[in-house]
PDB file of N, CA and C in Angstrom:
ATOM      1  N   UNK A   1       8.375   1.615 -15.997  1.00  0.00           N
ATOM      2  CA  UNK A   1       7.906   1.356 -14.658  1.00  0.00           C
ATOM      3  C   UNK A   1       9.038   1.679 -13.674  1.00  0.00           C
ATOM      4  N   UNK A   2       8.743   2.451 -12.622  1.00  0.00           N
ATOM      5  CA  UNK A   2       9.798   2.789 -11.665  1.00  0.00           C
ATOM      6  C   UNK A   2      10.217   1.563 -10.849  1.00  0.00           C
ATOM      7  N   UNK A   3      11.478   1.560 -10.473  1.00  0.00           N
ATOM      8  CA  UNK A   3      11.980   0.439  -9.699  1.00  0.00           C
ATOM      9  C   UNK A   3      11.609   0.612  -8.238  1.00  0.00           C
ATOM     10  N   UNK A   4      11.221  -0.488  -7.621  1.00  0.00           N
ATOM     11  CA  UNK A   4      10.873  -0.476  -6.201  1.00  0.00           C
ATOM     12  C   UNK A   4      12.058  -0.959  -5.391  1.00  0.00           C
ATOM     13  N   UNK A   5      12.240  -0.359  -4.229  1.00  0.00           N
ATOM     14  CA  UNK A   5      13.304  -0.779  -3.335  1.00  0.00           C
ATOM     15  C   UNK A   5      12.753  -1.599  -2.174  1.00  0.00           C
ATOM     16  N   UNK A   6      11.494  -1.322  -1.796  1.00  0.00           N
ATOM     17  CA  UNK A   6      10.839  -2.023  -0.700  1.00  0.00           C
ATOM     18  C   UNK A   6       9.429  -2.408  -1.116  1.00  0.00           C
ATOM     19  N   UNK A   7       8.929  -3.489  -0.549  1.00  0.00           N
ATOM     20  CA  UNK A   7       7.527  -3.833  -0.679  1.00  0.00           C
ATOM     21  C   UNK A   7       6.984  -3.952   0.730  1.00  0.00           C
ATOM     22  N   UNK A   8       6.016  -3.124   1.049  1.00  0.00           N
ATOM     23  CA  UNK A   8       5.406  -3.148   2.370  1.00  0.00           C
ATOM     24  C   UNK A   8       4.076  -3.876   2.220  1.00  0.00           C
ATOM     25  N   UNK A   9       3.982  -5.055   2.809  1.00  0.00           N
ATOM     26  CA  UNK A   9       2.775  -5.859   2.672  1.00  0.00           C
ATOM     27  C   UNK A   9       2.309  -6.392   4.007  1.00  0.00           C
ATOM     28  N   UNK A  10       1.101  -6.938   4.012  1.00  0.00           N
ATOM     29  CA  UNK A  10       0.597  -7.509   5.256  1.00  0.00           C
ATOM     30  C   UNK A  10       0.958  -8.991   5.336  1.00  0.00           C
ATOM     31  N   UNK A  11       0.490  -9.653   6.362  1.00  0.00           N
ATOM     32  CA  UNK A  11       0.868 -11.044   6.618  1.00  0.00           C
ATOM     33  C   UNK A  11       0.417 -12.008   5.524  1.00  0.00           C
ATOM     34  N   UNK A  12      -0.541 -11.624   4.726  1.00  0.00           N
ATOM     35  CA  UNK A  12      -1.009 -12.498   3.649  1.00  0.00           C
ATOM     36  C   UNK A  12       0.078 -12.739   2.607  1.00  0.00           C
ATOM     37  N   UNK A  13       1.051 -11.848   2.533  1.00  0.00           N
ATOM     38  CA  UNK A  13       2.135 -11.972   1.559  1.00  0.00           C
ATOM     39  C   UNK A  13       3.416 -12.522   2.176  1.00  0.00           C
ATOM     40  N   UNK A  14       3.325 -13.195   3.300  1.00  0.00           N
ATOM     41  CA  UNK A  14       4.500 -13.663   4.024  1.00  0.00           C
ATOM     42  C   UNK A  14       4.994 -15.030   3.565  1.00  0.00           C
ATOM     43  N   UNK A  15       4.553 -15.509   2.429  1.00  0.00           N
ATOM     44  CA  UNK A  15       4.982 -16.839   1.988  1.00  0.00           C
ATOM     45  C   UNK A  15       6.440 -16.843   1.546  1.00  0.00           C
ATOM     46  N   UNK A  16       7.046 -17.983   1.635  1.00  0.00           N
ATOM     47  CA  UNK A  16       8.461 -18.138   1.311  1.00  0.00           C
ATOM     48  C   UNK A  16       8.727 -17.859  -0.161  1.00  0.00           C
ATOM     49  N   UNK A  17       7.860 -18.372  -1.077  1.00  0.00           N
ATOM     50  CA  UNK A  17       8.095 -18.174  -2.514  1.00  0.00           C
ATOM     51  C   UNK A  17       7.957 -16.706  -2.904  1.00  0.00           C
ATOM     52  N   UNK A  18       7.046 -15.991  -2.242  1.00  0.00           N
ATOM     53  CA  UNK A  18       6.860 -14.575  -2.559  1.00  0.00           C
ATOM     54  C   UNK A  18       8.078 -13.761  -2.128  1.00  0.00           C
ATOM     55  N   UNK A  19       8.592 -14.048  -0.943  1.00  0.00           N
ATOM     56  CA  UNK A  19       9.799 -13.368  -0.469  1.00  0.00           C
ATOM     57  C   UNK A  19      10.988 -13.669  -1.377  1.00  0.00           C
ATOM     58  N   UNK A  20      11.087 -14.915  -1.858  1.00  0.00           N
ATOM     59  CA  UNK A  20      12.190 -15.295  -2.742  1.00  0.00           C
ATOM     60  C   UNK A  20      12.088 -14.551  -4.065  1.00  0.00           C
ATOM     61  N   UNK A  21      10.891 -14.438  -4.606  1.00  0.00           N
ATOM     62  CA  UNK A  21      10.679 -13.712  -5.857  1.00  0.00           C
ATOM     63  C   UNK A  21      11.083 -12.249  -5.708  1.00  0.00           C
ATOM     64  N   UNK A  22      10.730 -11.643  -4.592  1.00  0.00           N
ATOM     65  CA  UNK A  22      11.121 -10.256  -4.348  1.00  0.00           C
ATOM     66  C   UNK A  22      12.637 -10.132  -4.233  1.00  0.00           C
ATOM     67  N   UNK A  23      13.248 -11.061  -3.524  1.00  0.00           N
ATOM     68  CA  UNK A  23      14.702 -11.015  -3.351  1.00  0.00           C
ATOM     69  C   UNK A  23      15.421 -11.187  -4.689  1.00  0.00           C
ATOM     70  N   UNK A  24      14.883 -12.028  -5.568  1.00  0.00           N
ATOM     71  CA  UNK A  24      15.480 -12.212  -6.895  1.00  0.00           C
ATOM     72  C   UNK A  24      15.437 -10.932  -7.717  1.00  0.00           C
ATOM     73  N   UNK A  25      14.444 -10.117  -7.482  1.00  0.00           N
ATOM     74  CA  UNK A  25      14.317  -8.840  -8.198  1.00  0.00           C
ATOM     75  C   UNK A  25      15.030  -7.696  -7.493  1.00  0.00           C
ATOM     76  N   UNK A  26      15.626  -7.967  -6.342  1.00  0.00           N
ATOM     77  CA  UNK A  26      16.352  -6.936  -5.611  1.00  0.00           C
ATOM     78  C   UNK A  26      15.456  -6.032  -4.787  1.00  0.00           C
ATOM     79  N   UNK A  27      14.292  -6.522  -4.409  1.00  0.00           N
ATOM     80  CA  UNK A  27      13.334  -5.748  -3.628  1.00  0.00           C
ATOM     81  C   UNK A  27      13.334  -6.280  -2.199  1.00  0.00           C
ATOM     82  N   UNK A  28      13.506  -5.396  -1.238  1.00  0.00           N
ATOM     83  CA  UNK A  28      13.483  -5.797   0.165  1.00  0.00           C
ATOM     84  C   UNK A  28      12.039  -5.901   0.636  1.00  0.00           C
ATOM     85  N   UNK A  29      11.704  -7.009   1.268  1.00  0.00           N
ATOM     86  CA  UNK A  29      10.340  -7.235   1.751  1.00  0.00           C
ATOM     87  C   UNK A  29      10.204  -6.734   3.180  1.00  0.00           C
ATOM     88  N   UNK A  30       9.196  -5.911   3.409  1.00  0.00           N
ATOM     89  CA  UNK A  30       8.863  -5.451   4.752  1.00  0.00           C
ATOM     90  C   UNK A  30       7.492  -6.033   5.079  1.00  0.00           C
ATOM     91  N   UNK A  31       7.498  -7.318   5.438  1.00  0.00           N
ATOM     92  CA  UNK A  31       6.269  -8.060   5.674  1.00  0.00           C
ATOM     93  C   UNK A  31       6.386  -8.743   7.031  1.00  0.00           C
ATOM     94  N   UNK A  32       5.451  -8.494   7.949  1.00  0.00           N
ATOM     95  CA  UNK A  32       5.533  -9.178   9.236  1.00  0.00           C
ATOM     96  C   UNK A  32       5.288 -10.681   9.054  1.00  0.00           C
ATOM     97  N   UNK A  33       5.936 -11.501   9.857  1.00  0.00           N
ATOM     98  CA  UNK A  33       5.771 -12.950   9.697  1.00  0.00           C
ATOM     99  C   UNK A  33       4.402 -13.417  10.150  1.00  0.00           C
ATOM    100  N   UNK A  34       3.918 -14.462   9.520  1.00  0.00           N
ATOM    101  CA  UNK A  34       2.658 -15.068   9.918  1.00  0.00           C
ATOM    102  C   UNK A  34       2.888 -15.853  11.204  1.00  0.00           C
ATOM    103  N   UNK A  35       1.986 -15.768  12.163  1.00  0.00           N
ATOM    104  CA  UNK A  35       2.225 -16.429  13.452  1.00  0.00           C
ATOM    105  C   UNK A  35       2.395 -17.950  13.362  1.00  0.00           C
ATOM    106  N   UNK A  36       1.822 -18.574  12.353  1.00  0.00           N
ATOM    107  CA  UNK A  36       1.899 -20.027  12.263  1.00  0.00           C
ATOM    108  C   UNK A  36       3.165 -20.527  11.564  1.00  0.00           C
ATOM    109  N   UNK A  37       3.969 -19.638  10.992  1.00  0.00           N
ATOM    110  CA  UNK A  37       5.186 -20.054  10.317  1.00  0.00           C
ATOM    111  C   UNK A  37       6.264 -20.412  11.336  1.00  0.00           C
ATOM    112  N   UNK A  38       7.020 -21.458  11.027  1.00  0.00           N
ATOM    113  CA  UNK A  38       8.088 -21.890  11.936  1.00  0.00           C
ATOM    114  C   UNK A  38       9.246 -20.910  11.912  1.00  0.00           C
ATOM    115  N   UNK A  39       9.602 -20.420  10.732  1.00  0.00           N
ATOM    116  CA  UNK A  39      10.688 -19.449  10.602  1.00  0.00           C
ATOM    117  C   UNK A  39      10.086 -18.045  10.620  1.00  0.00           C
ATOM    118  N   UNK A  40      10.427 -17.282  11.641  1.00  0.00           N
ATOM    119  CA  UNK A  40       9.906 -15.930  11.784  1.00  0.00           C
ATOM    120  C   UNK A  40      10.910 -14.940  11.189  1.00  0.00           C
ATOM    121  N   UNK A  41      10.583 -14.373  10.040  1.00  0.00           N
ATOM    122  CA  UNK A  41      11.459 -13.408   9.378  1.00  0.00           C
ATOM    123  C   UNK A  41      11.383 -12.052  10.063  1.00  0.00           C
ATOM    124  N   UNK A  42      12.480 -11.313   9.994  1.00  0.00           N
ATOM    125  CA  UNK A  42      12.534  -9.970  10.562  1.00  0.00           C
ATOM    126  C   UNK A  42      11.950  -8.962   9.570  1.00  0.00           C
ATOM    127  N   UNK A  43      11.460  -7.855  10.077  1.00  0.00           N
ATOM    128  CA  UNK A  43      10.976  -6.771   9.238  1.00  0.00           C
ATOM    129  C   UNK A  43      11.170  -5.456   9.968  1.00  0.00           C
ATOM    130  N   UNK A  44      11.205  -4.374   9.222  1.00  0.00           N
ATOM    131  CA  UNK A  44      11.413  -3.041   9.782  1.00  0.00           C
ATOM    132  C   UNK A  44      10.068  -2.495  10.261  1.00  0.00           C
ATOM    133  N   UNK A  45       9.892  -2.409  11.570  1.00  0.00           N
ATOM    134  CA  UNK A  45       8.610  -1.977  12.122  1.00  0.00           C
ATOM    135  C   UNK A  45       8.327  -0.506  11.832  1.00  0.00           C
ATOM    136  N   UNK A  46       9.360   0.305  11.768  1.00  0.00           N
ATOM    137  CA  UNK A  46       9.176   1.726  11.464  1.00  0.00           C
ATOM    138  C   UNK A  46       8.668   1.911  10.039  1.00  0.00           C
ATOM    139  N   UNK A  47       9.241   1.176   9.111  1.00  0.00           N
ATOM    140  CA  UNK A  47       8.799   1.245   7.711  1.00  0.00           C
ATOM    141  C   UNK A  47       7.383   0.685   7.573  1.00  0.00           C
ATOM    142  N   UNK A  48       7.071  -0.360   8.326  1.00  0.00           N
ATOM    143  CA  UNK A  48       5.746  -0.974   8.244  1.00  0.00           C
ATOM    144  C   UNK A  48       4.656  -0.020   8.729  1.00  0.00           C
ATOM    145  N   UNK A  49       4.984   0.868   9.664  1.00  0.00           N
ATOM    146  CA  UNK A  49       3.998   1.842  10.155  1.00  0.00           C
ATOM    147  C   UNK A  49       3.550   2.798   9.056  1.00  0.00           C
ATOM    148  N   UNK A  50       4.397   3.037   8.072  1.00  0.00           N
ATOM    149  CA  UNK A  50       4.031   3.914   6.966  1.00  0.00           C
ATOM    150  C   UNK A  50       2.892   3.326   6.142  1.00  0.00           C
ATOM    151  N   UNK A  51       2.796   2.003   6.101  1.00  0.00           N
ATOM    152  CA  UNK A  51       1.709   1.340   5.389  1.00  0.00           C
ATOM    153  C   UNK A  51       0.361   1.726   6.000  1.00  0.00           C
ATOM    154  N   UNK A  52       0.320   1.821   7.321  1.00  0.00           N
ATOM    155  CA  UNK A  52      -0.915   2.190   8.005  1.00  0.00           C
ATOM    156  C   UNK A  52      -1.366   3.598   7.602  1.00  0.00           C
ATOM    157  N   UNK A  53      -0.420   4.513   7.488  1.00  0.00           N
ATOM    158  CA  UNK A  53      -0.751   5.877   7.082  1.00  0.00           C
ATOM    159  C   UNK A  53      -1.322   5.907   5.669  1.00  0.00           C
ATOM    160  N   UNK A  54      -0.745   5.105   4.786  1.00  0.00           N
ATOM    161  CA  UNK A  54      -1.231   5.055   3.414  1.00  0.00           C
ATOM    162  C   UNK A  54      -2.629   4.441   3.340  1.00  0.00           C
ATOM    163  N   UNK A  55      -2.883   3.409   4.134  1.00  0.00           N
ATOM    164  CA  UNK A  55      -4.218   2.815   4.165  1.00  0.00           C
ATOM    165  C   UNK A  55      -5.251   3.796   4.700  1.00  0.00           C
ATOM    166  N   UNK A  56      -4.855   4.603   5.685  1.00  0.00           N
ATOM    167  CA  UNK A  56      -5.772   5.622   6.196  1.00  0.00           C
ATOM    168  C   UNK A  56      -6.100   6.659   5.133  1.00  0.00           C
ATOM    169  N   UNK A  57      -5.109   7.018   4.314  1.00  0.00           N
ATOM    170  CA  UNK A  57      -5.351   7.959   3.222  1.00  0.00           C
ATOM    171  C   UNK A  57      -6.402   7.409   2.260  1.00  0.00           C
ATOM    172  N   UNK A  58      -6.252   6.148   1.845  1.00  0.00           N
ATOM    173  CA  UNK A  58      -7.225   5.569   0.928  1.00  0.00           C
ATOM    174  C   UNK A  58      -8.597   5.423   1.575  1.00  0.00           C
ATOM    175  N   UNK A  59      -8.641   5.128   2.853  1.00  0.00           N
ATOM    176  CA  UNK A  59      -9.929   5.023   3.549  1.00  0.00           C
ATOM    177  C   UNK A  59     -10.646   6.371   3.563  1.00  0.00           C
ATOM    178  N   UNK A  60      -9.892   7.438   3.776  1.00  0.00           N
ATOM    179  CA  UNK A  60     -10.505   8.772   3.781  1.00  0.00           C
ATOM    180  C   UNK A  60     -10.947   9.183   2.377  1.00  0.00           C
ATOM    181  N   UNK A  61     -10.174   8.807   1.364  1.00  0.00           N
ATOM    182  CA  UNK A  61     -10.571   9.144  -0.006  1.00  0.00           C
ATOM    183  C   UNK A  61     -11.824   8.382  -0.420  1.00  0.00           C
ATOM    184  N   UNK A  62     -11.976   7.151   0.073  1.00  0.00           N
ATOM    185  CA  UNK A  62     -13.142   6.352  -0.303  1.00  0.00           C
ATOM    186  C   UNK A  62     -14.426   6.841   0.349  1.00  0.00           C
ATOM    187  N   UNK A  63     -14.324   7.770   1.290  1.00  0.00           N
ATOM    188  CA  UNK A  63     -15.526   8.383   1.844  1.00  0.00           C
ATOM    189  C   UNK A  63     -16.241   9.228   0.797  1.00  0.00           C
ATOM    190  N   UNK A  64     -15.517   9.644  -0.215  1.00  0.00           N
ATOM    191  CA  UNK A  64     -16.104  10.403  -1.304  1.00  0.00           C
ATOM    192  C   UNK A  64     -16.753   9.411  -2.274  1.00  0.00           C
ATOM    193  N   UNK A  65     -18.047   9.482  -2.402  1.00  0.00           N
ATOM    194  CA  UNK A  65     -18.786   8.519  -3.214  1.00  0.00           C
ATOM    195  C   UNK A  65     -18.320   8.519  -4.666  1.00  0.00           C
ATOM    196  N   UNK A  66     -18.017   9.656  -5.195  1.00  0.00           N
ATOM    197  CA  UNK A  66     -17.598   9.763  -6.590  1.00  0.00           C
ATOM    198  C   UNK A  66     -16.305   8.987  -6.831  1.00  0.00           C
ATOM    199  N   UNK A  67     -15.442   8.905  -5.822  1.00  0.00           N
ATOM    200  CA  UNK A  67     -14.171   8.202  -5.984  1.00  0.00           C
ATOM    201  C   UNK A  67     -14.350   6.697  -5.815  1.00  0.00           C
ATOM    202  N   UNK A  68     -15.042   6.268  -4.761  1.00  0.00           N
ATOM    203  CA  UNK A  68     -15.102   4.827  -4.530  1.00  0.00           C
ATOM    204  C   UNK A  68     -16.006   4.098  -5.518  1.00  0.00           C
ATOM    205  N   UNK A  69     -16.906   4.793  -6.181  1.00  0.00           N
ATOM    206  CA  UNK A  69     -17.712   4.147  -7.221  1.00  0.00           C
ATOM    207  C   UNK A  69     -17.135   4.353  -8.616  1.00  0.00           C
ATOM    208  N   UNK A  70     -16.125   5.214  -8.713  1.00  0.00           N
ATOM    209  CA  UNK A  70     -15.418   5.495  -9.978  1.00  0.00           C
ATOM    210  C   UNK A  70     -16.385   5.953 -11.070  1.00  0.00           C
ATOM    211  N   UNK A  71     -17.112   7.030 -10.765  1.00  0.00           N
ATOM    212  CA  UNK A  71     -18.021   7.594 -11.756  1.00  0.00           C
ATOM    213  C   UNK A  71     -17.262   8.151 -12.960  1.00  0.00           C
ATOM    214  N   UNK A  72     -16.096   8.715 -12.716  1.00  0.00           N
ATOM    215  CA  UNK A  72     -15.322   9.316 -13.801  1.00  0.00           C
ATOM    216  C   UNK A  72     -14.543   8.231 -14.520  1.00  0.00           C
ATOM    217  N   UNK A  73     -14.871   7.988 -15.768  1.00  0.00           N
ATOM    218  CA  UNK A  73     -14.196   6.936 -16.532  1.00  0.00           C
ATOM    219  C   UNK A  73     -12.898   7.428 -17.165  1.00  0.00           C
ATOM    220  N   UNK A  74     -12.796   8.712 -17.372  1.00  0.00           N
ATOM    221  CA  UNK A  74     -11.586   9.280 -17.947  1.00  0.00           C
ATOM    222  C   UNK A  74     -10.529   9.402 -16.848  1.00  0.00           C
ATOM    223  N   UNK A  75      -9.323   8.912 -17.115  1.00  0.00           N
ATOM    224  CA  UNK A  75      -8.271   8.888 -16.100  1.00  0.00           C
ATOM    225  C   UNK A  75      -7.887  10.293 -15.643  1.00  0.00           C
ATOM    226  N   UNK A  76      -7.877  11.260 -16.560  1.00  0.00           N
ATOM    227  CA  UNK A  76      -7.503  12.628 -16.188  1.00  0.00           C
ATOM    228  C   UNK A  76      -8.506  13.239 -15.212  1.00  0.00           C
ATOM    229  N   UNK A  77      -9.781  13.038 -15.483  1.00  0.00           N
ATOM    230  CA  UNK A  77     -10.818  13.592 -14.605  1.00  0.00           C
ATOM    231  C   UNK A  77     -10.810  12.869 -13.257  1.00  0.00           C
ATOM    232  N   UNK A  78     -10.568  11.555 -13.274  1.00  0.00           N
ATOM    233  CA  UNK A  78     -10.494  10.788 -12.031  1.00  0.00           C
ATOM    234  C   UNK A  78      -9.330  11.274 -11.174  1.00  0.00           C
ATOM    235  N   UNK A  79      -8.176  11.518 -11.777  1.00  0.00           N
ATOM    236  CA  UNK A  79      -7.020  12.033 -11.048  1.00  0.00           C
ATOM    237  C   UNK A  79      -7.308  13.428 -10.498  1.00  0.00           C
ATOM    238  N   UNK A  80      -7.998  14.246 -11.270  1.00  0.00           N
ATOM    239  CA  UNK A  80      -8.356  15.579 -10.802  1.00  0.00           C
ATOM    240  C   UNK A  80      -9.312  15.499  -9.608  1.00  0.00           C
ATOM    241  N   UNK A  81     -10.234  14.546  -9.641  1.00  0.00           N
ATOM    242  CA  UNK A  81     -11.164  14.369  -8.525  1.00  0.00           C
ATOM    243  C   UNK A  81     -10.425  13.931  -7.268  1.00  0.00           C
ATOM    244  N   UNK A  82      -9.472  13.005  -7.414  1.00  0.00           N
ATOM    245  CA  UNK A  82      -8.684  12.560  -6.266  1.00  0.00           C
ATOM    246  C   UNK A  82      -7.850  13.715  -5.716  1.00  0.00           C
ATOM    247  N   UNK A  83      -7.291  14.522  -6.599  1.00  0.00           N
ATOM    248  CA  UNK A  83      -6.502  15.674  -6.171  1.00  0.00           C
ATOM    249  C   UNK A  83      -7.362  16.667  -5.401  1.00  0.00           C
ATOM    250  N   UNK A  84      -8.537  16.938  -5.907  1.00  0.00           N
ATOM    251  CA  UNK A  84      -9.452  17.852  -5.231  1.00  0.00           C
ATOM    252  C   UNK A  84      -9.859  17.307  -3.868  1.00  0.00           C
ATOM    253  N   UNK A  85     -10.156  16.015  -3.802  1.00  0.00           N
ATOM    254  CA  UNK A  85     -10.538  15.406  -2.520  1.00  0.00           C
ATOM    255  C   UNK A  85      -9.383  15.447  -1.537  1.00  0.00           C
ATOM    256  N   UNK A  86      -8.174  15.179  -1.985  1.00  0.00           N
ATOM    257  CA  UNK A  86      -7.012  15.216  -1.103  1.00  0.00           C
ATOM    258  C   UNK A  86      -6.768  16.617  -0.565  1.00  0.00           C
ATOM    259  N   UNK A  87      -6.917  17.621  -1.425  1.00  0.00           N
ATOM    260  CA  UNK A  87      -6.760  19.008  -0.981  1.00  0.00           C
ATOM    261  C   UNK A  87      -7.808  19.347   0.058  1.00  0.00           C
ATOM    262  N   UNK A  88      -9.045  18.958  -0.196  1.00  0.00           N
ATOM    263  CA  UNK A  88     -10.122  19.251   0.719  1.00  0.00           C
ATOM    264  C   UNK A  88      -9.931  18.531   2.052  1.00  0.00           C
ATOM    265  N   UNK A  89      -9.514  17.263   2.025  1.00  0.00           N
ATOM    266  CA  UNK A  89      -9.336  16.488   3.251  1.00  0.00           C
ATOM    267  C   UNK A  89      -8.204  17.024   4.109  1.00  0.00           C
ATOM    268  N   UNK A  90      -7.105  17.413   3.484  1.00  0.00           N
ATOM    269  CA  UNK A  90      -5.957  17.818   4.255  1.00  0.00           C
ATOM    270  C   UNK A  90      -5.904  19.325   4.520  1.00  0.00           C
ATOM    271  N   UNK A  91      -6.827  20.070   3.937  1.00  0.00           N
ATOM    272  CA  UNK A  91      -6.915  21.488   4.213  1.00  0.00           C
ATOM    273  C   UNK A  91      -7.490  21.695   5.615  1.00  0.00           C
ATOM    274  N   UNK A  92      -8.481  20.890   5.919  1.00  0.00           N
ATOM    275  CA  UNK A  92      -9.181  21.038   7.214  1.00  0.00           C
ATOM    276  C   UNK A  92      -8.435  20.446   8.362  1.00  0.00           C
TER     277      UNK A  92
END
Protein backbone atom coordinates (compact mmCIF):
# COMPACT_ATOMS: atom_id res chain seq x y z
CA UNK A 1 0.00 0.00 0.00
CA UNK A 2 1.47 3.40 -0.93
CA UNK A 3 2.18 5.81 1.86
CA UNK A 4 0.01 8.90 2.13
CA UNK A 5 1.42 12.28 3.01
CA UNK A 6 -1.89 14.18 3.20
CA UNK A 7 -5.51 13.32 3.82
CA UNK A 8 -7.96 15.75 2.27
CA UNK A 9 -11.34 15.32 3.94
CA UNK A 10 -14.50 17.23 4.61
CA UNK A 11 -15.77 18.55 7.94
CA UNK A 12 -17.24 15.18 8.90
CA UNK A 13 -13.69 13.97 9.57
CA UNK A 14 -12.70 16.92 11.77
CA UNK A 15 -12.83 15.01 15.06
CA UNK A 16 -9.93 15.22 17.47
CA UNK A 17 -9.33 11.43 17.64
CA UNK A 18 -9.24 11.14 13.85
CA UNK A 19 -6.68 13.93 13.53
CA UNK A 20 -4.59 12.30 16.29
CA UNK A 21 -4.67 8.93 14.51
CA UNK A 22 -3.48 10.57 11.30
CA UNK A 23 -0.72 12.43 13.12
CA UNK A 24 0.46 9.18 14.74
CA UNK A 25 0.84 7.68 11.27
CA UNK A 26 2.70 10.74 9.97
CA UNK A 27 -0.14 11.91 7.73
CA UNK A 28 -0.95 15.62 7.56
CA UNK A 29 -4.68 16.32 7.78
CA UNK A 30 -6.17 18.88 5.41
CA UNK A 31 -9.63 19.07 6.96
CA UNK A 32 -11.55 22.31 7.53
CA UNK A 33 -12.70 22.74 11.13
CA UNK A 34 -16.30 22.12 12.09
CA UNK A 35 -18.01 25.40 13.00
CA UNK A 36 -19.22 24.11 16.36
CA UNK A 37 -15.76 23.06 17.59
CA UNK A 38 -14.13 25.33 20.17
CA UNK A 39 -10.62 24.74 18.81
CA UNK A 40 -10.45 25.75 15.15
CA UNK A 41 -7.60 23.87 13.45
CA UNK A 42 -5.77 25.35 10.48
CA UNK A 43 -5.79 23.73 7.04
CA UNK A 44 -4.28 24.44 3.64
CA UNK A 45 -7.05 26.01 1.56
CA UNK A 46 -5.14 25.59 -1.70
CA UNK A 47 -4.72 21.86 -1.12
CA UNK A 48 -8.37 21.55 -0.06
CA UNK A 49 -9.49 23.01 -3.42
CA UNK A 50 -7.98 19.97 -5.15
CA UNK A 51 -10.57 17.81 -3.37
CA UNK A 52 -13.32 19.69 -5.21
CA UNK A 53 -11.71 18.91 -8.57
CA UNK A 54 -11.52 15.22 -7.70
CA UNK A 55 -15.17 15.15 -6.62
CA UNK A 56 -16.15 16.77 -9.91
CA UNK A 57 -14.25 14.05 -11.78
CA UNK A 58 -16.19 11.31 -9.98
CA UNK A 59 -19.48 13.14 -10.53
CA UNK A 60 -18.81 13.29 -14.27
CA UNK A 61 -17.81 9.62 -14.38
CA UNK A 62 -21.01 8.63 -12.57
CA UNK A 63 -23.03 10.14 -15.41
CA UNK A 64 -22.11 6.98 -17.29
CA UNK A 65 -24.71 4.42 -16.27
CA UNK A 66 -22.39 1.48 -16.82
CA UNK A 67 -19.94 2.91 -14.27
CA UNK A 68 -22.27 4.01 -11.49
CA UNK A 69 -24.21 0.73 -11.52
CA UNK A 70 -20.99 -1.32 -11.86
CA UNK A 71 -22.23 -3.66 -14.57
CA UNK A 72 -18.69 -4.92 -15.17
CA UNK A 73 -17.79 -7.32 -12.37
CA UNK A 74 -14.29 -7.98 -13.63
CA UNK A 75 -11.85 -5.36 -12.30
CA UNK A 76 -9.88 -5.18 -15.57
CA UNK A 77 -12.97 -4.48 -17.67
CA UNK A 78 -14.24 -1.96 -15.09
CA UNK A 79 -10.91 -0.10 -15.19
CA UNK A 80 -11.00 -0.14 -18.99
CA UNK A 81 -14.52 1.33 -18.92
CA UNK A 82 -13.42 4.11 -16.56
CA UNK A 83 -10.42 4.81 -18.79
CA UNK A 84 -12.61 5.01 -21.87
CA UNK A 85 -15.08 7.31 -20.10
CA UNK A 86 -12.28 9.58 -18.87
CA UNK A 87 -10.81 9.83 -22.37
CA UNK A 88 -14.21 10.62 -23.81
CA UNK A 89 -15.04 13.22 -21.12
CA UNK A 90 -11.77 15.07 -21.34
CA UNK A 91 -11.40 14.86 -25.11
CA UNK A 92 -14.35 17.18 -25.63
